[in-house]
Amino acid sequence: MIMASRLIHILLVAAHPADSFDMAGGTLAHHIEQGDRVTAAILTTGVRSHHWELGEQRRRSGAELDVEEYVAQAVEEKLEEVRRACRILGFDDVRDLGFEDDDVLVTQDKVEAIAEVIRAVKPDMLITHHPFESGGFKMHGTTGQCTLYAWQLASGSGRGRQERHPVPCIYFMNPTAYIGNNSLEYAGTARVDLYIDITDVIDKKVRALDQIASQYYGGPYVRKRAETSDGSSGNSALVAYAEEFQRFQPQVRYTLPITDAELERITEPQSAHMGRRSEMIGGLMPLSDGETFTSRHRMSKEKYED
């Protein structure tokens, strides 16, 4: 028996709105299909770093543009995008914790805000970012660290009449993201120890990412991303598409786990898993009218010369 004997409640703590599903959306869809509940808590608005049209306006206008008058509208726009996306995946409990995404440090108020959500929803499982992603110098890493501190805070006796809620299971999503892209990576702490095969729901995930227009995620980009990100993970897992996870603490079991899918590999021909890995869905999903794949932004070789 691999699944729990009852339905569970998952709390995903994300740094930015799209992070609530872009690294674990397929996995969440599986859990929702079997009746589990999902809540996403979004630490920051994502507007100052992930609303790219606002960034373009700043680039064009420089100091003449006061971005503050655009921020409130942009915040609501991004939250509405992520609500639409999460509804496609099957859940609508999305909670905005409201911090600014240029407030990048681990702080007590962030920790307490996450701990408050943990106490309120009483999850059985936490999913968040690896705490040392990009060496920890990124909002993803900050969010992972804040979540671990919040987990400790919610597990303790608390103050006054605060409820205690220990969460027994924590997973880091896409744990090796950005490993090796700078010299300060804690590469030794991040690894993949679990793949979730999301081939059957990759179409849902692409449609969900299509909603994130403010980051230019929709259209051609998400289809390429499905193949190069989830497809690359799937190739490593001998399936078409997969999401990667790392468990925070070792699991305790009565026997060593092995699945029927793993046992089948003993007798299946090489052609079977090659065919399974070769399936292409995400990259072939139809684009909206007027959208095309284009080479017009490609760098010329001269720009790479010293």
Protein backbone atom coordinates (compact mmCIF):
# COMPACT_ATOMS: atom_id res chain seq x y z
CA MET A 1 0.00 0.00 0.00
CA ILE A 2 1.69 3.21 -1.19
CA MET A 3 -1.13 5.73 -0.68
CA ALA A 4 -2.36 6.85 2.72
CA SER A 5 -5.47 5.11 4.05
CA ARG A 6 -7.38 8.42 3.94
CA LEU A 7 -7.51 11.47 1.74
CA ILE A 8 -4.88 14.09 2.53
CA HIS A 9 -4.56 17.88 2.45
CA ILE A 10 -1.51 19.33 0.67
CA LEU A 11 -0.22 22.86 1.30
CA LEU A 12 2.11 24.22 -1.36
CA VAL A 13 4.04 27.35 -0.33
CA ALA A 14 5.20 29.28 -3.39
CA ALA A 15 7.48 32.28 -3.79
CA HIS A 16 5.53 33.83 -6.68
CA PRO A 17 2.04 33.29 -8.18
CA ALA A 18 3.09 30.97 -11.03
CA ASP A 19 5.22 28.90 -8.64
CA SER A 20 1.98 27.62 -7.12
CA PHE A 21 1.74 25.13 -9.97
CA ASP A 22 4.50 25.45 -12.59
CA MET A 23 6.86 23.01 -10.83
CA ALA A 24 4.31 20.69 -9.19
CA GLY A 25 1.05 21.28 -11.07
CA GLY A 26 0.90 17.82 -12.61
CA THR A 27 1.46 16.21 -9.23
CA LEU A 28 -1.26 18.37 -7.66
CA ALA A 29 -3.65 17.39 -10.48
CA HIS A 30 -3.07 13.70 -9.67
CA HIS A 31 -3.82 14.24 -6.00
CA ILE A 32 -6.94 16.25 -6.78
CA GLU A 33 -8.19 13.52 -9.13
CA GLN A 34 -7.99 10.98 -6.30
CA GLY A 35 -9.89 13.30 -3.95
CA ASP A 36 -7.10 14.99 -1.99
CA ARG A 37 -7.38 18.69 -1.11
CA VAL A 38 -4.84 21.31 -2.19
CA THR A 39 -4.14 24.79 -0.85
CA ALA A 40 -1.56 27.13 -2.39
CA ALA A 41 -0.08 29.92 -0.27
CA ILE A 42 1.75 32.54 -2.35
CA LEU A 43 4.34 34.46 -0.36
CA THR A 44 4.86 37.44 -2.70
CA THR A 45 2.89 39.25 -5.37
CA GLY A 46 5.51 38.59 -8.04
CA VAL A 47 4.80 41.93 -9.69
CA ARG A 48 8.18 43.63 -9.37
CA SER A 49 10.13 40.70 -10.77
CA HIS A 50 7.62 38.67 -12.79
CA HIS A 51 5.23 41.13 -14.45
CA TRP A 52 7.29 41.58 -17.55
CA GLU A 53 5.15 44.19 -19.29
CA LEU A 54 5.61 46.41 -16.24
CA GLY A 55 9.33 45.72 -16.46
CA GLU A 56 9.28 46.67 -20.13
CA GLN A 57 7.56 49.96 -19.31
CA ARG A 58 10.27 50.68 -16.74
CA ARG A 59 13.00 49.85 -19.27
CA ARG A 60 11.50 52.19 -21.86
CA SER A 61 10.67 55.05 -19.48
CA GLY A 62 13.48 54.83 -16.92
CA ALA A 63 13.10 57.00 -13.83
CA GLU A 64 10.23 58.92 -15.44
CA LEU A 65 7.88 56.01 -14.73
CA ASP A 66 6.50 55.77 -11.20
CA VAL A 67 5.70 52.06 -11.10
CA GLU A 68 3.70 52.31 -7.87
CA GLU A 69 0.59 53.54 -9.66
CA TYR A 70 0.64 50.35 -11.78
CA VAL A 71 1.45 47.87 -9.01
CA ALA A 72 -2.03 47.39 -7.51
CA GLN A 73 -3.57 46.64 -10.89
CA ALA A 74 -0.69 44.32 -11.79
CA VAL A 75 -1.04 42.42 -8.49
CA GLU A 76 -4.70 41.68 -9.13
CA GLU A 77 -3.93 40.73 -12.73
CA LYS A 78 -1.34 38.17 -11.64
CA LEU A 79 -3.58 36.73 -8.93
CA GLU A 80 -6.45 36.34 -11.39
CA GLU A 81 -4.10 34.55 -13.80
CA VAL A 82 -3.05 32.06 -11.14
CA ARG A 83 -6.64 31.52 -9.97
CA ARG A 84 -7.65 30.62 -13.53
CA ALA A 85 -4.65 28.32 -13.85
CA CYS A 86 -5.33 26.52 -10.57
CA ARG A 87 -8.99 26.03 -11.48
CA ILE A 88 -7.82 24.21 -14.62
CA LEU A 89 -5.80 21.89 -12.38
CA GLY A 90 -8.82 21.39 -10.13
CA PHE A 91 -8.43 23.59 -7.05
CA ASP A 92 -9.32 27.13 -6.05
CA ASP A 93 -7.94 27.57 -2.52
CA VAL A 94 -5.22 30.09 -3.40
CA ARG A 95 -4.04 32.40 -0.61
CA ASP A 96 -2.06 35.58 -1.24
CA LEU A 97 0.21 36.42 1.70
CA GLY A 98 0.88 39.81 0.14
CA PHE A 99 4.62 40.35 0.61
CA GLU A 100 6.59 42.37 -1.95
CA ASP A 101 8.85 40.26 -4.14
CA ASP A 102 11.76 42.65 -3.70
CA ASP A 103 11.57 42.02 0.07
CA VAL A 104 14.03 39.16 -0.33
CA LEU A 105 15.24 38.38 3.21
CA VAL A 106 14.07 35.69 5.62
CA THR A 107 12.07 37.63 8.22
CA GLN A 108 9.95 36.76 11.22
CA ASP A 109 6.78 38.23 9.70
CA LYS A 110 7.08 35.97 6.63
CA VAL A 111 7.69 32.94 8.84
CA GLU A 112 4.69 33.76 11.04
CA ALA A 113 2.43 34.35 8.02
CA ILE A 114 3.23 30.88 6.65
CA ALA A 115 2.89 29.31 10.11
CA GLU A 116 -0.55 30.89 10.42
CA VAL A 117 -1.63 29.20 7.17
CA ILE A 118 -0.25 25.87 8.40
CA ARG A 119 -2.27 26.15 11.60
CA ALA A 120 -5.39 27.21 9.68
CA VAL A 121 -5.47 24.53 6.97
CA LYS A 122 -3.77 21.72 8.97
CA PRO A 123 -2.05 20.08 6.01
CA ASP A 124 -0.72 16.53 5.98
CA MET A 125 2.01 17.44 3.50
CA LEU A 126 4.03 20.56 2.65
CA ILE A 127 5.54 21.28 -0.77
CA THR A 128 7.90 24.23 -1.23
CA HIS A 129 11.15 25.37 -2.85
CA HIS A 130 14.57 23.97 -2.00
CA PRO A 131 15.97 26.36 0.66
CA PHE A 132 19.33 26.70 -1.10
CA GLU A 133 18.12 27.19 -4.66
CA SER A 134 20.59 29.51 -6.40
CA GLY A 135 22.72 29.35 -3.27
CA GLY A 136 19.77 30.66 -1.25
CA PHE A 137 20.11 34.13 -2.80
CA LYS A 138 16.75 34.13 -4.53
CA MET A 139 13.14 34.46 -3.42
CA HIS A 140 12.63 30.74 -4.08
CA GLY A 141 15.35 29.90 -1.55
CA THR A 142 14.04 32.50 0.89
CA THR A 143 10.58 30.95 0.63
CA GLY A 144 11.94 27.47 1.26
CA GLN A 145 13.81 28.68 4.34
CA CYS A 146 10.79 30.61 5.65
CA THR A 147 8.61 27.53 5.17
CA LEU A 148 10.96 25.32 7.17
CA TYR A 149 11.07 27.87 9.99
CA ALA A 150 7.26 28.13 9.82
CA TRP A 151 6.98 24.34 9.98
CA GLN A 152 9.06 24.39 13.17
CA LEU A 153 7.01 27.27 14.57
CA ALA A 154 3.68 25.57 13.86
CA SER A 155 4.98 22.30 15.32
CA GLY A 156 5.90 23.89 18.65
CA SER A 157 3.82 24.91 21.62
CA GLY A 158 3.32 28.42 20.28
CA ARG A 159 2.19 31.40 22.31
CA GLY A 160 -1.10 32.17 23.95
CA ARG A 161 -3.89 30.11 22.39
CA GLN A 162 -2.14 29.28 19.12
CA GLU A 163 -2.84 25.77 17.88
CA ARG A 164 -0.02 23.33 17.31
CA HIS A 165 0.08 21.46 14.00
CA PRO A 166 3.12 19.32 13.14
CA VAL A 167 3.31 18.41 9.43
CA PRO A 168 4.87 14.96 8.99
CA CYS A 169 5.94 15.21 5.36
CA ILE A 170 7.78 17.93 3.39
CA TYR A 171 8.87 17.85 -0.25
CA PHE A 172 11.03 20.33 -2.17
CA MET A 173 9.78 20.80 -5.74
CA ASN A 174 12.21 20.91 -8.65
CA PRO A 175 15.10 20.72 -6.14
CA THR A 176 17.96 20.94 -8.63
CA ALA A 177 16.60 24.05 -10.37
CA TYR A 178 19.40 26.46 -11.21
CA ILE A 179 22.05 24.17 -9.73
CA GLY A 180 25.34 25.10 -11.32
CA ASN A 181 24.27 28.49 -12.63
CA ASN A 182 26.44 30.34 -10.12
CA SER A 183 29.53 29.64 -8.06
CA LEU A 184 27.74 29.73 -4.70
CA GLU A 185 25.44 26.75 -5.21
CA TYR A 186 25.03 24.29 -2.39
CA ALA A 187 24.94 21.58 -5.02
CA GLY A 188 25.60 18.83 -2.50
CA THR A 189 22.30 19.40 -0.67
CA ALA A 190 19.98 19.26 -3.67
CA ARG A 191 19.11 16.03 -5.42
CA VAL A 192 16.14 14.32 -7.01
CA ASP A 193 14.92 11.31 -5.05
CA LEU A 194 11.40 11.10 -6.48
CA TYR A 195 9.89 11.52 -9.94
CA ILE A 196 6.13 11.86 -10.48
CA ASP A 197 4.99 10.73 -13.94
CA ILE A 198 2.68 13.52 -15.16
CA THR A 199 2.31 12.37 -18.77
CA ASP A 200 -1.46 11.92 -18.43
CA VAL A 201 -1.98 15.52 -17.21
CA ILE A 202 0.69 17.46 -19.14
CA ASP A 203 -2.08 18.92 -21.31
CA LYS A 204 -3.73 20.38 -18.20
CA LYS A 205 -0.43 21.83 -17.05
CA VAL A 206 0.19 23.47 -20.44
CA ARG A 207 -3.32 24.97 -20.44
CA ALA A 208 -2.72 26.25 -16.90
CA LEU A 209 0.58 27.88 -17.85
CA ASP A 210 -1.15 29.44 -20.87
CA GLN A 211 -2.98 31.66 -18.36
CA ILE A 212 0.23 33.37 -17.18
CA ALA A 213 0.31 36.05 -19.86
CA SER A 214 2.01 38.64 -17.63
CA GLN A 215 5.18 36.50 -17.69
CA TYR A 216 4.83 35.60 -21.38
CA TYR A 217 4.51 31.97 -20.27
CA GLY A 218 1.61 31.16 -22.58
CA GLY A 219 1.74 30.11 -26.20
CA PRO A 220 5.00 28.96 -27.77
CA TYR A 221 7.10 29.29 -24.60
CA VAL A 222 5.11 26.90 -22.43
CA ARG A 223 5.06 24.28 -25.18
CA LYS A 224 8.84 24.45 -25.51
CA ARG A 225 9.12 24.44 -21.71
CA ALA A 226 6.97 21.33 -21.41
CA GLU A 227 9.46 19.44 -23.55
CA THR A 228 12.71 20.89 -22.17
CA SER A 229 11.76 20.92 -18.47
CA ASP A 230 9.10 18.30 -17.71
CA GLY A 231 10.19 16.36 -20.79
CA SER A 232 13.82 16.31 -19.64
CA SER A 233 12.76 15.09 -16.19
CA GLY A 234 10.58 12.49 -17.84
CA ASN A 235 13.44 11.27 -19.98
CA SER A 236 15.50 10.67 -16.83
CA ALA A 237 12.55 8.80 -15.30
CA LEU A 238 11.97 6.71 -18.48
CA VAL A 239 8.58 8.36 -19.11
CA ALA A 240 7.42 11.23 -21.34
CA TYR A 241 6.92 13.93 -18.69
CA ALA A 242 7.74 14.09 -14.98
CA GLU A 243 8.12 16.46 -12.05
CA GLU A 244 11.05 16.24 -9.63
CA PHE A 245 10.98 16.21 -5.83
CA GLN A 246 13.30 15.79 -2.88
CA ARG A 247 11.98 14.65 0.47
CA PHE A 248 13.15 16.75 3.43
CA GLN A 249 13.24 13.88 5.93
CA PRO A 250 13.55 10.14 5.30
CA GLN A 251 10.32 8.20 5.03
CA VAL A 252 9.62 5.43 7.55
CA ARG A 253 8.08 2.25 6.09
CA TYR A 254 7.49 -1.35 7.13
CA THR A 255 9.04 -2.74 3.94
CA LEU A 256 11.14 -1.33 1.11
CA PRO A 257 8.93 0.24 -1.59
CA ILE A 258 8.80 -0.94 -5.20
CA THR A 259 6.04 -0.26 -7.73
CA ASP A 260 4.50 -2.39 -10.47
CA ALA A 261 5.93 0.11 -12.97
CA GLU A 262 9.43 -0.70 -11.71
CA LEU A 263 8.81 -4.46 -11.75
CA GLU A 264 7.59 -4.23 -15.34
CA ARG A 265 10.99 -2.94 -16.44
CA ILE A 266 12.48 -6.37 -15.70
CA THR A 267 10.70 -7.94 -18.67
CA GLU A 268 9.80 -5.05 -20.98
CA PRO A 269 11.78 -4.66 -24.20
CA GLN A 270 14.08 -1.69 -24.71
CA SER A 271 11.72 -0.40 -27.39
CA ALA A 272 8.94 -0.02 -24.80
CA HIS A 273 10.62 2.54 -22.58
CA MET A 274 12.17 4.30 -25.57
CA GLY A 275 8.69 4.65 -27.04
CA ARG A 276 7.29 5.79 -23.70
CA ARG A 277 9.93 8.51 -23.40
CA SER A 278 9.36 9.62 -27.01
CA GLU A 279 5.71 10.56 -26.60
CA MET A 280 5.20 14.27 -27.35
CA ILE A 281 2.10 16.04 -26.11
CA GLY A 282 2.99 19.42 -24.59
CA GLY A 283 4.95 20.76 -27.55
CA LEU A 284 2.22 19.77 -30.01
CA MET A 285 -0.76 21.35 -28.25
CA PRO A 286 -2.43 23.88 -30.57
CA LEU A 287 -1.56 27.54 -30.19
CA SER A 288 -4.11 30.32 -29.97
CA ASP A 289 -5.06 32.10 -33.18
CA GLY A 290 -2.29 34.39 -34.36
CA GLU A 291 0.44 32.72 -32.26
CA THR A 292 3.39 31.07 -33.99
CA PHE A 293 6.83 29.74 -33.16
CA THR A 294 9.37 32.27 -34.43
CA SER A 295 13.11 32.63 -34.94
CA ARG A 296 13.08 36.43 -35.13
CA HIS A 297 14.57 36.85 -31.63
CA ARG A 298 17.44 34.45 -32.26
CA MET A 299 20.94 35.81 -31.47
CA SER A 300 23.28 36.14 -34.43
CA LYS A 301 26.68 34.47 -34.15
CA GLU A 302 28.39 37.88 -34.27
CA LYS A 303 26.92 38.76 -30.86
CA TYR A 304 28.79 35.86 -29.27
CA GLU A 305 32.19 36.98 -30.53
CA ASP A 306 34.66 38.52 -28.06
